[in-house]
Amino acid sequence: MKRAHSAQIIVEFTFCMIIIFIMIYSTIKVFQWVGVDMVHRRVGHEKTLTSGDDSNPEVQTKADFYKATNFNATVQY
């Protein structure tokens, strides 16, 4: 009986660790994606500010002011 209980603990621990590693990896990928998207926004903002079109500051309010980054959820080797 003691041996079966010990095996159950090992199996449960293994499954929990797999889930935790997947959650950590997903969190890292989301923060990476958000960082890349913010860089693209910043580049678009700087491009608009330095484009020489100072007469119309409403250019920044257009929907195509920046290009959103696609989220690639697949693993790339």
C-alpha atoms as a PDB file:
ATOM      1  CA  MET A   1       0.000   0.000   0.000  1.00  0.00           C
ATOM      2  CA  LYS A   2       2.808   2.412   0.812  1.00  0.00           C
ATOM      3  CA  ARG A   3       4.506   1.747  -2.548  1.00  0.00           C
ATOM      4  CA  ALA A   4       1.329   2.506  -4.545  1.00  0.00           C
ATOM      5  CA  HIS A   5       0.874   5.773  -2.654  1.00  0.00           C
ATOM      6  CA  SER A   6       4.473   6.773  -3.406  1.00  0.00           C
ATOM      7  CA  ALA A   7       4.012   6.065  -7.110  1.00  0.00           C
ATOM      8  CA  GLN A   8       0.844   8.151  -7.166  1.00  0.00           C
ATOM      9  CA  ILE A   9       2.706  11.101  -5.620  1.00  0.00           C
ATOM     10  CA  ILE A  10       5.441  10.867  -8.254  1.00  0.00           C
ATOM     11  CA  VAL A  11       2.918  10.772 -11.112  1.00  0.00           C
ATOM     12  CA  GLU A  12       0.945  13.724  -9.709  1.00  0.00           C
ATOM     13  CA  PHE A  13       4.136  15.733  -9.191  1.00  0.00           C
ATOM     14  CA  THR A  14       5.252  15.020 -12.761  1.00  0.00           C
ATOM     15  CA  PHE A  15       1.925  16.172 -14.230  1.00  0.00           C
ATOM     16  CA  CYS A  16       1.936  19.316 -12.087  1.00  0.00           C
ATOM     17  CA  MET A  17       5.478  20.204 -13.136  1.00  0.00           C
ATOM     18  CA  ILE A  18       4.601  19.765 -16.814  1.00  0.00           C
ATOM     19  CA  ILE A  19       1.634  22.115 -16.401  1.00  0.00           C
ATOM     20  CA  ILE A  20       3.764  24.662 -14.524  1.00  0.00           C
ATOM     21  CA  PHE A  21       6.478  24.591 -17.208  1.00  0.00           C
ATOM     22  CA  ILE A  22       3.867  25.116 -19.938  1.00  0.00           C
ATOM     23  CA  MET A  23       2.425  28.070 -18.015  1.00  0.00           C
ATOM     24  CA  ILE A  24       5.868  29.637 -17.531  1.00  0.00           C
ATOM     25  CA  TYR A  25       6.720  29.168 -21.216  1.00  0.00           C
ATOM     26  CA  SER A  26       3.384  30.699 -22.260  1.00  0.00           C
ATOM     27  CA  THR A  27       3.928  33.698 -19.998  1.00  0.00           C
ATOM     28  CA  ILE A  28       7.372  34.288 -21.480  1.00  0.00           C
ATOM     29  CA  LYS A  29       6.004  34.088 -25.041  1.00  0.00           C
ATOM     30  CA  VAL A  30       3.183  36.550 -24.251  1.00  0.00           C
ATOM     31  CA  PHE A  31       5.611  39.077 -22.771  1.00  0.00           C
ATOM     32  CA  GLN A  32       7.894  38.620 -25.777  1.00  0.00           C
ATOM     33  CA  TRP A  33       4.986  39.221 -28.150  1.00  0.00           C
ATOM     34  CA  VAL A  34       3.870  42.319 -26.234  1.00  0.00           C
ATOM     35  CA  GLY A  35       7.421  43.682 -26.302  1.00  0.00           C
ATOM     36  CA  VAL A  36       7.698  43.255 -30.070  1.00  0.00           C
ATOM     37  CA  ASP A  37       4.306  44.887 -30.564  1.00  0.00           C
ATOM     38  CA  MET A  38       5.323  47.853 -28.413  1.00  0.00           C
ATOM     39  CA  VAL A  39       8.512  48.268 -30.436  1.00  0.00           C
ATOM     40  CA  HIS A  40       6.481  48.374 -33.651  1.00  0.00           C
ATOM     41  CA  ARG A  41       4.192  50.986 -32.117  1.00  0.00           C
ATOM     42  CA  ARG A  42       7.154  53.080 -31.031  1.00  0.00           C
ATOM     43  CA  VAL A  43       8.776  52.876 -34.477  1.00  0.00           C
ATOM     44  CA  GLY A  44       5.504  53.928 -36.107  1.00  0.00           C
ATOM     45  CA  HIS A  45       5.141  56.793 -33.669  1.00  0.00           C
ATOM     46  CA  GLU A  46       8.700  58.012 -34.246  1.00  0.00           C
ATOM     47  CA  LYS A  47       8.255  57.689 -38.005  1.00  0.00           C
ATOM     48  CA  THR A  48       5.148  59.849 -37.887  1.00  0.00           C
ATOM     49  CA  LEU A  49       6.774  62.455 -35.667  1.00  0.00           C
ATOM     50  CA  THR A  50       9.840  62.761 -37.887  1.00  0.00           C
ATOM     51  CA  SER A  51       8.051  62.492 -41.234  1.00  0.00           C
ATOM     52  CA  GLY A  52       7.964  66.265 -41.660  1.00  0.00           C
ATOM     53  CA  ASP A  53       4.172  66.381 -41.687  1.00  0.00           C
ATOM     54  CA  ASP A  54       3.962  68.724 -38.682  1.00  0.00           C
ATOM     55  CA  SER A  55       0.985  70.566 -40.127  1.00  0.00           C
ATOM     56  CA  ASN A  56      -1.392  67.704 -39.340  1.00  0.00           C
ATOM     57  CA  PRO A  57      -0.915  66.085 -35.896  1.00  0.00           C
ATOM     58  CA  GLU A  58      -4.119  64.082 -36.362  1.00  0.00           C
ATOM     59  CA  VAL A  59      -2.157  61.601 -38.472  1.00  0.00           C
ATOM     60  CA  GLN A  60      -1.405  59.685 -35.268  1.00  0.00           C
ATOM     61  CA  THR A  61      -5.094  58.983 -34.656  1.00  0.00           C
ATOM     62  CA  LYS A  62      -5.538  56.975 -37.852  1.00  0.00           C
ATOM     63  CA  ALA A  63      -6.322  53.285 -37.534  1.00  0.00           C
ATOM     64  CA  ASP A  64      -3.320  52.300 -39.664  1.00  0.00           C
ATOM     65  CA  PHE A  65      -0.874  54.336 -37.581  1.00  0.00           C
ATOM     66  CA  TYR A  66       1.045  51.190 -36.721  1.00  0.00           C
ATOM     67  CA  LYS A  67       1.017  47.578 -37.856  1.00  0.00           C
ATOM     68  CA  ALA A  68       0.099  45.083 -35.146  1.00  0.00           C
ATOM     69  CA  THR A  69       2.414  42.117 -34.703  1.00  0.00           C
ATOM     70  CA  ASN A  70       0.973  38.674 -35.371  1.00  0.00           C
ATOM     71  CA  PHE A  71       1.161  36.248 -32.484  1.00  0.00           C
ATOM     72  CA  ASN A  72       2.905  33.048 -33.543  1.00  0.00           C
ATOM     73  CA  ALA A  73       2.069  30.353 -31.005  1.00  0.00           C
ATOM     74  CA  THR A  74       4.061  27.621 -32.724  1.00  0.00           C
ATOM     75  CA  VAL A  75       7.543  26.543 -31.809  1.00  0.00           C
ATOM     76  CA  GLN A  76      10.164  27.549 -34.372  1.00  0.00           C
ATOM     77  CA  TYR A  77      13.395  25.585 -34.567  1.00  0.00           C
END
